[in-house]
């Protein structure tokens, strides 16, 4: 299952049924789980751990040193979960010692061509990164997020669950859960209603989330005042809990 032109370092570990295409390079300290497909001309650098059932397409570079001038060869890691699709020319870098030393990607993510995921970024499950989306260092992207093509995300930003960014969005502040943003700089444009419907959110829950959006963005409240208003409702509606928890956390401030 390993092409004769591929180079696999003796310290690399390949699980059952792994396929490695022509001219790919699997470097030291790379661990690949069962039934992964590594296409042609892929470079995997370590220390990197890749779970089961992942597909990595041609010309991707996964696990390279971070693009950080402070990086001085410290041992840092990239950890990728299961059943992810990583398309052509994607670049994903390991973490840095200045953070937790880990870049982490969850399960069932769809990462399209030319996406860049920089050092110390933390990606949840079931996300979609459209072509050319790029994360600077220390970015967190929660579950079920969709980043439109050529979305750019500033360092240390947080992207909340079920949010959506339009094509070409430039994100310099945190995006709360459920919110759609667009523009440069990105501005809020309501909740991600269509995406939420596709994931089984009912009409009543959507109504609650729309009202929460109005509380945050349409009533002229400070963020602490909006949180105070939303907290009682979050005890009755579970979908509001991730939103309130997100708003309580320190960050770069939310998109306005």
Protein backbone atom coordinates (compact mmCIF):
# COMPACT_ATOMS: atom_id res chain seq x y z
CA UNK A 1 0.00 0.00 0.00
CA UNK A 2 3.10 2.24 -0.02
CA UNK A 3 4.23 3.38 -3.47
CA UNK A 4 7.80 2.47 -4.36
CA UNK A 5 8.75 6.14 -4.79
CA UNK A 6 7.45 7.21 -1.37
CA UNK A 7 9.92 7.82 1.45
CA UNK A 8 8.86 6.64 4.91
CA UNK A 9 11.16 7.31 7.87
CA UNK A 10 11.90 4.24 10.01
CA UNK A 11 10.55 6.00 13.10
CA UNK A 12 7.17 6.66 11.47
CA UNK A 13 4.27 4.40 12.43
CA UNK A 14 1.61 3.47 9.88
CA UNK A 15 -1.61 1.71 10.87
CA UNK A 16 -3.48 -1.06 9.10
CA UNK A 17 -4.54 -0.36 5.52
CA UNK A 18 -2.71 2.95 5.15
CA UNK A 19 -2.07 4.00 1.54
CA UNK A 20 0.84 6.28 0.61
CA UNK A 21 0.99 7.70 -2.91
CA UNK A 22 3.93 8.38 -5.22
CA UNK A 23 6.70 10.71 -4.07
CA UNK A 24 5.16 11.39 -0.68
CA UNK A 25 7.46 11.86 2.32
CA UNK A 26 6.55 10.59 5.78
CA UNK A 27 9.05 12.05 8.24
CA UNK A 28 10.29 11.07 11.69
CA UNK A 29 7.83 10.81 14.59
CA UNK A 30 4.73 10.69 12.40
CA UNK A 31 1.96 8.33 13.52
CA UNK A 32 -0.81 7.54 11.02
CA UNK A 33 -3.95 5.67 12.09
CA UNK A 34 -5.69 2.85 10.28
CA UNK A 35 -7.14 3.21 6.78
CA UNK A 36 -5.77 6.66 6.01
CA UNK A 37 -5.13 7.64 2.38
CA UNK A 38 -2.06 9.79 1.76
CA UNK A 39 -2.02 11.07 -1.82
CA UNK A 40 0.98 11.75 -4.07
CA UNK A 41 3.55 14.45 -3.28
CA UNK A 42 2.34 14.89 0.32
CA UNK A 43 4.81 15.84 3.06
CA UNK A 44 4.05 14.80 6.64
CA UNK A 45 6.47 16.10 9.30
CA UNK A 46 6.55 15.24 12.98
CA UNK A 47 5.92 15.00 15.77
CA UNK A 48 2.46 14.53 14.26
CA UNK A 49 -0.31 12.11 15.19
CA UNK A 50 -3.06 11.43 12.65
CA UNK A 51 -6.15 9.39 13.54
CA UNK A 52 -8.16 6.89 11.52
CA UNK A 53 -9.81 7.25 8.13
CA UNK A 54 -8.25 10.55 7.05
CA UNK A 55 -7.73 11.49 3.40
CA UNK A 56 -4.86 13.86 2.58
CA UNK A 57 -4.65 14.96 -1.03
CA UNK A 58 -1.67 15.79 -3.22
CA UNK A 59 0.81 18.53 -2.38
CA UNK A 60 -0.43 19.06 1.19
CA UNK A 61 2.19 19.93 3.83
CA UNK A 62 1.13 18.73 7.27
CA UNK A 63 3.08 19.06 10.52
CA UNK A 64 5.84 21.44 9.40
CA UNK A 65 7.64 23.83 11.76
CA UNK A 66 5.53 26.83 12.83
CA UNK A 67 5.96 30.11 10.99
CA UNK A 68 6.98 31.94 14.14
CA UNK A 69 10.28 33.81 14.49
CA UNK A 70 10.42 32.82 18.17
CA UNK A 71 10.43 29.13 17.28
CA UNK A 72 13.84 27.68 18.17
CA UNK A 73 13.41 23.99 17.45
CA UNK A 74 11.38 23.07 20.54
CA UNK A 75 9.51 19.77 20.39
CA UNK A 76 5.91 20.66 19.57
CA UNK A 77 3.07 18.64 18.10
CA UNK A 78 0.23 18.43 15.63
CA UNK A 79 -2.68 16.16 16.54
CA UNK A 80 -5.37 15.34 13.96
CA UNK A 81 -8.47 13.28 14.75
CA UNK A 82 -10.48 10.88 12.59
CA UNK A 83 -12.24 11.03 9.21
CA UNK A 84 -10.95 14.39 8.08
CA UNK A 85 -10.56 15.39 4.44
CA UNK A 86 -7.53 17.60 3.73
CA UNK A 87 -7.40 18.77 0.13
CA UNK A 88 -4.69 19.99 -2.24
CA UNK A 89 -1.97 22.41 -1.08
CA UNK A 90 -3.26 22.65 2.50
CA UNK A 91 -0.62 23.71 5.05
CA UNK A 92 -0.98 22.84 8.75
CA UNK A 93 1.78 23.68 11.24
CA UNK A 94 2.72 22.34 14.66
CA UNK A 95 2.34 24.39 17.85
CA UNK A 96 4.84 26.60 19.68
CA UNK A 97 6.35 26.57 23.14
CA UNK A 98 4.85 30.01 23.78
CA UNK A 99 1.38 28.37 23.82
CA UNK A 100 0.47 24.78 24.72
CA UNK A 101 2.78 23.40 22.05
CA UNK A 102 -0.04 21.70 20.14
CA UNK A 103 -2.03 22.44 17.03
CA UNK A 104 -5.15 20.26 17.22
CA UNK A 105 -7.79 19.31 14.63
CA UNK A 106 -10.84 17.26 15.63
CA UNK A 107 -12.97 14.83 13.63
CA UNK A 108 -14.98 14.90 10.40
CA UNK A 109 -13.64 18.20 9.14
CA UNK A 110 -13.68 19.18 5.46
CA UNK A 111 -10.60 21.30 4.69
CA UNK A 112 -10.51 22.48 1.08
CA UNK A 113 -7.63 23.47 -1.18
CA UNK A 114 -5.04 26.09 -0.17
CA UNK A 115 -6.30 26.39 3.41
CA UNK A 116 -3.65 27.44 5.97
CA UNK A 117 -3.95 26.48 9.64
CA UNK A 118 -1.18 28.12 11.64
CA UNK A 119 0.53 27.11 14.85
CA UNK A 120 -1.42 26.56 18.08
CA UNK A 121 -4.81 26.68 16.37
CA UNK A 122 -7.54 24.48 17.83
CA UNK A 123 -10.21 23.15 15.45
CA UNK A 124 -13.32 21.30 16.60
CA UNK A 125 -15.45 18.75 14.75
CA UNK A 126 -17.51 18.90 11.53
CA UNK A 127 -16.13 22.21 10.33
CA UNK A 128 -15.87 23.30 6.69
CA UNK A 129 -12.96 25.46 5.55
CA UNK A 130 -13.61 26.61 1.99
CA UNK A 131 -10.77 27.22 -0.47
CA UNK A 132 -8.11 29.65 0.69
CA UNK A 133 -9.38 30.21 4.24
CA UNK A 134 -6.45 31.06 6.51
CA UNK A 135 -5.99 31.07 10.26
CA UNK A 136 -3.21 33.00 11.95
CA UNK A 137 -1.68 31.53 15.10
CA UNK A 138 -3.57 30.72 18.31
CA UNK A 139 -7.03 30.73 16.68
CA UNK A 140 -9.82 28.50 17.99
CA UNK A 141 -12.65 27.30 15.75
CA UNK A 142 -15.50 25.48 17.48
CA UNK A 143 -17.71 22.67 16.17
CA UNK A 144 -19.87 23.01 13.04
CA UNK A 145 -18.33 26.27 11.83
CA UNK A 146 -18.22 27.10 8.11
CA UNK A 147 -15.51 29.47 6.90
CA UNK A 148 -16.24 30.89 3.45
CA UNK A 149 -13.58 31.01 0.76
CA UNK A 150 -10.59 33.25 1.48
CA UNK A 151 -11.74 34.06 5.01
CA UNK A 152 -8.83 35.51 7.00
CA UNK A 153 -8.72 35.17 10.79
CA UNK A 154 -6.47 37.30 13.03
CA UNK A 155 -4.30 35.79 15.77
CA UNK A 156 -6.03 34.76 19.00
CA UNK A 157 -9.55 35.09 17.59
CA UNK A 158 -12.28 32.66 18.60
CA UNK A 159 -14.94 31.42 16.17
CA UNK A 160 -18.00 30.10 18.00
CA UNK A 161 -19.95 26.95 17.17
CA UNK A 162 -22.42 26.94 14.23
CA UNK A 163 -21.20 30.32 12.99
CA UNK A 164 -20.71 31.17 9.31
CA UNK A 165 -18.32 33.52 7.57
CA UNK A 166 -19.02 34.85 4.09
CA UNK A 167 -16.49 34.69 1.27
CA UNK A 168 -13.58 37.07 1.78
CA UNK A 169 -14.40 37.90 5.40
CA UNK A 170 -11.58 39.51 7.40
CA UNK A 171 -12.06 38.59 11.05
CA UNK A 172 -10.25 40.68 13.63
CA UNK A 173 -12.48 39.97 16.63
CA UNK A 174 -14.33 36.97 18.07
CA UNK A 175 -17.38 35.60 16.26
CA UNK A 176 -20.08 34.42 18.71
CA UNK A 177 -21.83 31.07 18.22
CA UNK A 178 -24.62 30.95 15.61
CA UNK A 179 -23.71 34.30 14.03
CA UNK A 180 -23.14 35.01 10.32
CA UNK A 181 -20.44 37.58 9.51
CA UNK A 182 -19.23 39.19 6.29
CA UNK A 183 -16.94 41.96 5.09
CA UNK A 184 -13.60 43.57 5.84
CA UNK A 185 -13.61 44.09 8.72
CA UNK A 186 -16.23 41.43 9.35
CA UNK A 187 -19.60 42.61 10.65
CA UNK A 188 -22.55 40.57 11.96
CA UNK A 189 -25.48 39.81 9.65
CA UNK A 190 -27.94 37.81 11.75
CA UNK A 191 -27.84 34.17 12.77
CA UNK A 192 -26.80 31.26 10.58
CA UNK A 193 -30.42 30.18 10.19
CA UNK A 194 -30.04 27.94 7.14
CA UNK A 195 -27.10 26.07 8.61
CA UNK A 196 -28.95 25.58 11.88
CA UNK A 197 -32.04 24.22 10.10
CA UNK A 198 -29.86 21.71 8.24
CA UNK A 199 -28.51 20.52 11.57
CA UNK A 200 -31.97 19.95 13.02
CA UNK A 201 -32.58 23.11 15.03
CA UNK A 202 -36.33 23.64 15.32
CA UNK A 203 -38.37 26.78 14.68
CA UNK A 204 -38.74 27.62 18.38
CA UNK A 205 -35.00 27.35 18.99
CA UNK A 206 -34.29 29.53 15.95
CA UNK A 207 -36.71 32.12 17.30
CA UNK A 208 -34.88 32.07 20.64
CA UNK A 209 -31.51 32.50 18.93
CA UNK A 210 -32.81 35.39 16.82
CA UNK A 211 -34.03 37.11 19.97
CA UNK A 212 -30.63 36.53 21.58
CA UNK A 213 -28.96 38.10 18.55
CA UNK A 214 -31.20 41.16 18.91
CA UNK A 215 -30.27 41.40 22.58
CA UNK A 216 -26.57 41.43 21.74
CA UNK A 217 -26.63 43.61 18.64
CA UNK A 218 -29.86 45.61 18.36
CA UNK A 219 -30.64 47.00 21.81
CA UNK A 220 -27.60 49.20 22.38
CA UNK A 221 -26.47 47.19 25.39
CA UNK A 222 -22.95 46.75 26.68
CA UNK A 223 -21.78 43.16 26.45
CA UNK A 224 -22.08 42.60 30.20
CA UNK A 225 -25.66 43.90 30.09
CA UNK A 226 -26.53 41.58 27.20
CA UNK A 227 -25.08 38.61 29.09
CA UNK A 228 -27.14 39.55 32.16
CA UNK A 229 -30.31 39.55 30.06
CA UNK A 230 -29.49 36.26 28.33
CA UNK A 231 -28.51 34.24 31.40
CA UNK A 232 -32.05 33.53 32.71
CA UNK A 233 -33.19 32.33 29.27
CA UNK A 234 -30.11 30.10 28.95
CA UNK A 235 -31.33 28.10 31.94
CA UNK A 236 -34.47 27.24 29.97
CA UNK A 237 -33.02 26.86 26.44
CA UNK A 238 -29.92 24.66 26.12
CA UNK A 239 -28.93 26.21 22.78
CA UNK A 240 -28.23 29.51 24.55
CA UNK A 241 -25.68 27.99 26.93
CA UNK A 242 -22.78 27.90 24.41
CA UNK A 243 -23.55 31.49 23.45
CA UNK A 244 -23.57 32.82 27.02
CA UNK A 245 -20.47 30.80 27.95
CA UNK A 246 -18.65 32.16 24.90
CA UNK A 247 -19.55 35.77 25.70
CA UNK A 248 -18.35 35.39 29.28
CA UNK A 249 -14.84 34.37 28.21
CA UNK A 250 -12.07 36.88 27.70
CA UNK A 251 -11.03 37.41 24.12
CA UNK A 252 -10.51 40.10 21.52
CA UNK A 253 -14.02 41.45 21.87
CA UNK A 254 -16.81 40.34 19.56
CA UNK A 255 -17.50 41.51 16.00
CA UNK A 256 -19.81 44.52 15.96
